[in-house]
Amino acid sequence: MRMKIALTLFLVTVFPAQLSAHELYLSITTIQHQRDDQKLSIQVRLFVNDLEESILQQKGVQLGLWKNTPIDNAQDYVEEYICSRLFIYIDELPVPLHFIELQIESAEIVVDHVIICELEAYGISEISSIRISNSLLIETIDDQVNIVNILANESRKTINLNKRIQDEHIVFITDPAKCD
């Protein structure tokens, strides 16, 4: 809930209602390790018009999400796009991502709609290291910034990825005595 409020406040500040297009190109991905359930919960937030433009350029298909007239298999195109540009490796092993759902979030005070994609990965009991590769929207938007928040091992890490830096590796230190 706090993330939703923060994003809304951010969007209101950056995108006043009189603008017809945004000037900041941003996605926010949150990866949360749920140790008890042995899974990762992943949430990807993107501007709908940017996602539609990328899919249109890549596949030649207009999804209709922006105008609230989606084609029948729009979610399939979104799932394929996200899963072909977002990769997670735990302890150097690739993690299969499972697409759960997508939602469109719109606010009357914000011009641009946000699409929220929920994904999960299973069988993740421990994380010693994580590598994220996120190239969402960079093929069509040179200034795209992909922020990734990682909540694991009782810590929070944030990385900023873009066209120049598309992946980052984080090692979690679980035993400070091993740092000698």
C-alpha atoms as a PDB file:
ATOM      1  CA  MET A   1       0.000   0.000   0.000  1.00  0.00           C
ATOM      2  CA  ARG A   2       2.848   2.413   0.824  1.00  0.00           C
ATOM      3  CA  MET A   3       4.413   1.701  -2.579  1.00  0.00           C
ATOM      4  CA  LYS A   4       1.115   2.535  -4.296  1.00  0.00           C
ATOM      5  CA  ILE A   5       0.829   5.850  -2.432  1.00  0.00           C
ATOM      6  CA  ALA A   6       4.480   6.703  -3.085  1.00  0.00           C
ATOM      7  CA  LEU A   7       4.157   5.922  -6.804  1.00  0.00           C
ATOM      8  CA  THR A   8       0.962   7.968  -7.070  1.00  0.00           C
ATOM      9  CA  LEU A   9       2.585  10.939  -5.331  1.00  0.00           C
ATOM     10  CA  PHE A  10       5.651  10.574  -7.543  1.00  0.00           C
ATOM     11  CA  LEU A  11       3.510  10.450 -10.692  1.00  0.00           C
ATOM     12  CA  VAL A  12       1.446  13.468  -9.631  1.00  0.00           C
ATOM     13  CA  THR A  13       4.615  15.452  -8.983  1.00  0.00           C
ATOM     14  CA  VAL A  14       6.376  14.440 -12.176  1.00  0.00           C
ATOM     15  CA  PHE A  15       3.375  14.259 -14.504  1.00  0.00           C
ATOM     16  CA  PRO A  16       1.024  17.213 -14.031  1.00  0.00           C
ATOM     17  CA  ALA A  17      -2.454  16.720 -15.482  1.00  0.00           C
ATOM     18  CA  GLN A  18      -1.920  19.197 -18.323  1.00  0.00           C
ATOM     19  CA  LEU A  19       0.804  17.081 -19.937  1.00  0.00           C
ATOM     20  CA  SER A  20      -0.164  14.665 -22.693  1.00  0.00           C
ATOM     21  CA  ALA A  21       3.049  12.593 -22.554  1.00  0.00           C
ATOM     22  CA  HIS A  22       5.527  11.915 -19.823  1.00  0.00           C
ATOM     23  CA  GLU A  23       9.151  12.938 -19.943  1.00  0.00           C
ATOM     24  CA  LEU A  24      10.500  10.393 -17.467  1.00  0.00           C
ATOM     25  CA  TYR A  25      10.689   6.783 -18.591  1.00  0.00           C
ATOM     26  CA  LEU A  26      10.654   4.521 -15.591  1.00  0.00           C
ATOM     27  CA  SER A  27       9.737   1.027 -14.499  1.00  0.00           C
ATOM     28  CA  ILE A  28       9.776  -0.258 -10.946  1.00  0.00           C
ATOM     29  CA  THR A  29      10.292  -3.945 -10.241  1.00  0.00           C
ATOM     30  CA  THR A  30      10.001  -5.254  -6.693  1.00  0.00           C
ATOM     31  CA  ILE A  31      11.353  -8.690  -5.855  1.00  0.00           C
ATOM     32  CA  GLN A  32      10.468 -10.035  -2.424  1.00  0.00           C
ATOM     33  CA  HIS A  33      11.794 -13.298  -1.037  1.00  0.00           C
ATOM     34  CA  GLN A  34       9.228 -15.098   1.096  1.00  0.00           C
ATOM     35  CA  ARG A  35      11.445 -17.559   2.918  1.00  0.00           C
ATOM     36  CA  ASP A  36       8.616 -19.407   4.719  1.00  0.00           C
ATOM     37  CA  ASP A  37       6.809 -20.045   1.411  1.00  0.00           C
ATOM     38  CA  GLN A  38      10.098 -20.629  -0.457  1.00  0.00           C
ATOM     39  CA  LYS A  39       9.157 -18.275  -3.259  1.00  0.00           C
ATOM     40  CA  LEU A  40       9.866 -14.939  -4.859  1.00  0.00           C
ATOM     41  CA  SER A  41       7.029 -12.508  -5.425  1.00  0.00           C
ATOM     42  CA  ILE A  42       7.784 -10.144  -8.284  1.00  0.00           C
ATOM     43  CA  GLN A  43       5.845  -7.033  -9.202  1.00  0.00           C
ATOM     44  CA  VAL A  44       6.636  -5.047 -12.354  1.00  0.00           C
ATOM     45  CA  ARG A  45       5.161  -1.566 -12.833  1.00  0.00           C
ATOM     46  CA  LEU A  46       5.359   0.112 -16.254  1.00  0.00           C
ATOM     47  CA  PHE A  47       3.586   2.880 -18.102  1.00  0.00           C
ATOM     48  CA  VAL A  48       0.969   1.264 -20.345  1.00  0.00           C
ATOM     49  CA  ASN A  49       1.686   3.462 -23.369  1.00  0.00           C
ATOM     50  CA  ASP A  50       5.421   2.673 -23.240  1.00  0.00           C
ATOM     51  CA  LEU A  51       4.753  -1.067 -23.005  1.00  0.00           C
ATOM     52  CA  GLU A  52       2.249  -0.932 -25.860  1.00  0.00           C
ATOM     53  CA  GLU A  53       4.685   1.013 -28.042  1.00  0.00           C
ATOM     54  CA  SER A  54       7.460  -1.539 -27.416  1.00  0.00           C
ATOM     55  CA  ILE A  55       5.194  -4.481 -28.218  1.00  0.00           C
ATOM     56  CA  LEU A  56       3.853  -2.695 -31.304  1.00  0.00           C
ATOM     57  CA  GLN A  57       7.396  -2.124 -32.583  1.00  0.00           C
ATOM     58  CA  GLN A  58       8.515  -5.686 -31.750  1.00  0.00           C
ATOM     59  CA  LYS A  59       5.419  -7.673 -32.781  1.00  0.00           C
ATOM     60  CA  GLY A  60       3.366  -5.267 -34.898  1.00  0.00           C
ATOM     61  CA  VAL A  61       0.360  -5.756 -32.597  1.00  0.00           C
ATOM     62  CA  GLN A  62      -1.730  -2.994 -31.009  1.00  0.00           C
ATOM     63  CA  LEU A  63      -2.874  -4.365 -27.616  1.00  0.00           C
ATOM     64  CA  GLY A  64      -5.605  -1.807 -26.887  1.00  0.00           C
ATOM     65  CA  LEU A  65      -4.764  -1.624 -23.174  1.00  0.00           C
ATOM     66  CA  TRP A  66      -4.354   2.165 -23.165  1.00  0.00           C
ATOM     67  CA  LYS A  67      -7.858   2.728 -24.551  1.00  0.00           C
ATOM     68  CA  ASN A  68      -9.359   0.027 -22.314  1.00  0.00           C
ATOM     69  CA  THR A  69     -10.241  -2.057 -25.378  1.00  0.00           C
ATOM     70  CA  PRO A  70      -7.743  -4.916 -25.050  1.00  0.00           C
ATOM     71  CA  ILE A  71      -7.475  -7.603 -27.676  1.00  0.00           C
ATOM     72  CA  ASP A  72      -8.341 -11.119 -26.501  1.00  0.00           C
ATOM     73  CA  ASN A  73      -4.756 -12.314 -26.031  1.00  0.00           C
ATOM     74  CA  ALA A  74      -3.219  -9.051 -24.776  1.00  0.00           C
ATOM     75  CA  GLN A  75      -2.056 -10.693 -21.544  1.00  0.00           C
ATOM     76  CA  ASP A  76      -0.196 -13.346 -23.563  1.00  0.00           C
ATOM     77  CA  TYR A  77       1.767 -10.630 -25.395  1.00  0.00           C
ATOM     78  CA  VAL A  78       2.547  -8.825 -22.125  1.00  0.00           C
ATOM     79  CA  GLU A  79       3.647 -12.082 -20.466  1.00  0.00           C
ATOM     80  CA  GLU A  80       5.907 -12.975 -23.407  1.00  0.00           C
ATOM     81  CA  TYR A  81       7.412  -9.485 -23.440  1.00  0.00           C
ATOM     82  CA  ILE A  82       8.105  -9.344 -19.673  1.00  0.00           C
ATOM     83  CA  CYS A  83       9.505 -12.890 -19.509  1.00  0.00           C
ATOM     84  CA  SER A  84      11.821 -12.226 -22.473  1.00  0.00           C
ATOM     85  CA  ARG A  85      13.383  -9.139 -20.842  1.00  0.00           C
ATOM     86  CA  LEU A  86      13.409  -9.843 -17.103  1.00  0.00           C
ATOM     87  CA  PHE A  87      15.719 -12.574 -15.808  1.00  0.00           C
ATOM     88  CA  ILE A  88      16.578 -13.543 -12.253  1.00  0.00           C
ATOM     89  CA  TYR A  89      19.446 -15.779 -11.179  1.00  0.00           C
ATOM     90  CA  ILE A  90      19.697 -17.038  -7.599  1.00  0.00           C
ATOM     91  CA  ASP A  91      23.142 -18.295  -6.623  1.00  0.00           C
ATOM     92  CA  GLU A  92      24.065 -18.219 -10.350  1.00  0.00           C
ATOM     93  CA  LEU A  93      21.141 -20.484 -11.350  1.00  0.00           C
ATOM     94  CA  PRO A  94      18.362 -19.178 -13.617  1.00  0.00           C
ATOM     95  CA  VAL A  95      14.975 -18.891 -11.940  1.00  0.00           C
ATOM     96  CA  PRO A  96      11.864 -19.774 -13.971  1.00  0.00           C
ATOM     97  CA  LEU A  97       9.286 -16.984 -13.655  1.00  0.00           C
ATOM     98  CA  HIS A  98       5.568 -17.706 -13.610  1.00  0.00           C
ATOM     99  CA  PHE A  99       3.268 -14.931 -14.794  1.00  0.00           C
ATOM    100  CA  ILE A 100       0.308 -14.595 -12.417  1.00  0.00           C
ATOM    101  CA  GLU A 101      -1.731 -11.606 -13.595  1.00  0.00           C
ATOM    102  CA  LEU A 102      -1.753  -8.079 -14.889  1.00  0.00           C
ATOM    103  CA  GLN A 103      -3.748  -5.072 -13.770  1.00  0.00           C
ATOM    104  CA  ILE A 104      -4.138  -1.593 -15.174  1.00  0.00           C
ATOM    105  CA  GLU A 105      -4.013   1.181 -12.598  1.00  0.00           C
ATOM    106  CA  SER A 106      -5.251   4.600 -13.560  1.00  0.00           C
ATOM    107  CA  ALA A 107      -5.812   7.712 -11.551  1.00  0.00           C
ATOM    108  CA  GLU A 108      -7.879  10.648 -12.669  1.00  0.00           C
ATOM    109  CA  ILE A 109      -5.142  13.060 -11.664  1.00  0.00           C
ATOM    110  CA  VAL A 110      -2.460  11.283 -13.691  1.00  0.00           C
ATOM    111  CA  VAL A 111      -2.430  11.214 -17.477  1.00  0.00           C
ATOM    112  CA  ASP A 112      -0.525   7.948 -17.860  1.00  0.00           C
ATOM    113  CA  HIS A 113      -1.883   4.570 -16.850  1.00  0.00           C
ATOM    114  CA  VAL A 114       0.372   2.081 -15.096  1.00  0.00           C
ATOM    115  CA  ILE A 115       0.332  -1.639 -15.774  1.00  0.00           C
ATOM    116  CA  ILE A 116       1.165  -3.919 -12.860  1.00  0.00           C
ATOM    117  CA  CYS A 117       2.378  -7.420 -13.631  1.00  0.00           C
ATOM    118  CA  GLU A 118       2.601 -10.023 -10.885  1.00  0.00           C
ATOM    119  CA  LEU A 119       5.003 -12.945 -11.237  1.00  0.00           C
ATOM    120  CA  GLU A 120       6.283 -15.647  -8.906  1.00  0.00           C
ATOM    121  CA  ALA A 121       9.156 -18.085  -8.685  1.00  0.00           C
ATOM    122  CA  TYR A 122       9.014 -21.204  -6.539  1.00  0.00           C
ATOM    123  CA  GLY A 123      11.446 -23.381  -4.616  1.00  0.00           C
ATOM    124  CA  ILE A 124      13.639 -20.512  -3.399  1.00  0.00           C
ATOM    125  CA  SER A 125      14.556 -21.393   0.184  1.00  0.00           C
ATOM    126  CA  GLU A 126      17.772 -19.371   0.553  1.00  0.00           C
ATOM    127  CA  ILE A 127      19.484 -16.565  -1.346  1.00  0.00           C
ATOM    128  CA  SER A 128      23.232 -16.054  -1.133  1.00  0.00           C
ATOM    129  CA  SER A 129      23.376 -13.972  -4.305  1.00  0.00           C
ATOM    130  CA  ILE A 130      20.981 -12.603  -6.877  1.00  0.00           C
ATOM    131  CA  ARG A 131      21.587 -11.312 -10.367  1.00  0.00           C
ATOM    132  CA  ILE A 132      18.912  -9.301 -12.118  1.00  0.00           C
ATOM    133  CA  SER A 133      18.831  -8.647 -15.842  1.00  0.00           C
ATOM    134  CA  ASN A 134      16.131  -6.131 -16.763  1.00  0.00           C
ATOM    135  CA  SER A 135      15.984  -4.746 -20.301  1.00  0.00           C
ATOM    136  CA  LEU A 136      12.324  -3.709 -20.234  1.00  0.00           C
ATOM    137  CA  LEU A 137      11.502  -0.967 -22.762  1.00  0.00           C
ATOM    138  CA  ILE A 138      15.137  -0.112 -23.539  1.00  0.00           C
ATOM    139  CA  GLU A 139      14.792  -1.242 -27.155  1.00  0.00           C
ATOM    140  CA  THR A 140      12.380   1.619 -27.859  1.00  0.00           C
ATOM    141  CA  ILE A 141      13.216   4.217 -25.190  1.00  0.00           C
ATOM    142  CA  ASP A 142      16.828   5.377 -24.924  1.00  0.00           C
ATOM    143  CA  ASP A 143      16.274   7.133 -21.581  1.00  0.00           C
ATOM    144  CA  GLN A 144      14.457   4.225 -19.920  1.00  0.00           C
ATOM    145  CA  VAL A 145      15.404   3.585 -16.272  1.00  0.00           C
ATOM    146  CA  ASN A 146      14.486   0.281 -14.638  1.00  0.00           C
ATOM    147  CA  ILE A 147      14.587   0.462 -10.849  1.00  0.00           C
ATOM    148  CA  VAL A 148      14.699  -2.886  -9.054  1.00  0.00           C
ATOM    149  CA  ASN A 149      13.972  -3.185  -5.334  1.00  0.00           C
ATOM    150  CA  ILE A 150      15.080  -6.453  -3.760  1.00  0.00           C
ATOM    151  CA  LEU A 151      13.830  -7.502  -0.329  1.00  0.00           C
ATOM    152  CA  ALA A 152      15.685 -10.597   0.844  1.00  0.00           C
ATOM    153  CA  ASN A 153      17.598 -11.854   3.865  1.00  0.00           C
ATOM    154  CA  GLU A 154      16.079  -9.132   6.032  1.00  0.00           C
ATOM    155  CA  SER A 155      17.633  -6.401   3.903  1.00  0.00           C
ATOM    156  CA  ARG A 156      16.583  -4.103   1.083  1.00  0.00           C
ATOM    157  CA  LYS A 157      18.735  -3.414  -1.958  1.00  0.00           C
ATOM    158  CA  THR A 158      17.921  -1.069  -4.820  1.00  0.00           C
ATOM    159  CA  ILE A 159      19.558  -1.090  -8.213  1.00  0.00           C
ATOM    160  CA  ASN A 160      19.119   1.215 -11.193  1.00  0.00           C
ATOM    161  CA  LEU A 161      19.374  -0.367 -14.615  1.00  0.00           C
ATOM    162  CA  ASN A 162      19.256   1.280 -18.026  1.00  0.00           C
ATOM    163  CA  LYS A 163      20.337   0.829 -21.636  1.00  0.00           C
ATOM    164  CA  ARG A 164      24.015   0.984 -20.651  1.00  0.00           C
ATOM    165  CA  ILE A 165      23.772  -1.190 -17.495  1.00  0.00           C
ATOM    166  CA  GLN A 166      21.169  -3.909 -17.932  1.00  0.00           C
ATOM    167  CA  ASP A 167      22.118  -6.299 -15.152  1.00  0.00           C
ATOM    168  CA  GLU A 168      23.502  -6.229 -11.629  1.00  0.00           C
ATOM    169  CA  HIS A 169      24.758  -8.860  -9.215  1.00  0.00           C
ATOM    170  CA  ILE A 170      24.257  -8.626  -5.435  1.00  0.00           C
ATOM    171  CA  VAL A 171      25.897 -10.888  -2.880  1.00  0.00           C
ATOM    172  CA  PHE A 172      24.252 -11.135   0.520  1.00  0.00           C
ATOM    173  CA  ILE A 173      26.592 -11.529   3.476  1.00  0.00           C
ATOM    174  CA  THR A 174      24.834 -13.835   5.901  1.00  0.00           C
ATOM    175  CA  ASP A 175      27.686 -14.289   8.391  1.00  0.00           C
ATOM    176  CA  PRO A 176      29.680 -11.099   9.084  1.00  0.00           C
ATOM    177  CA  ALA A 177      32.484 -13.194  10.633  1.00  0.00           C
ATOM    178  CA  LYS A 178      33.296 -14.511   7.133  1.00  0.00           C
ATOM    179  CA  CYS A 179      34.301 -11.036   5.890  1.00  0.00           C
ATOM    180  CA  ASP A 180      37.939 -11.291   7.041  1.00  0.00           C
END
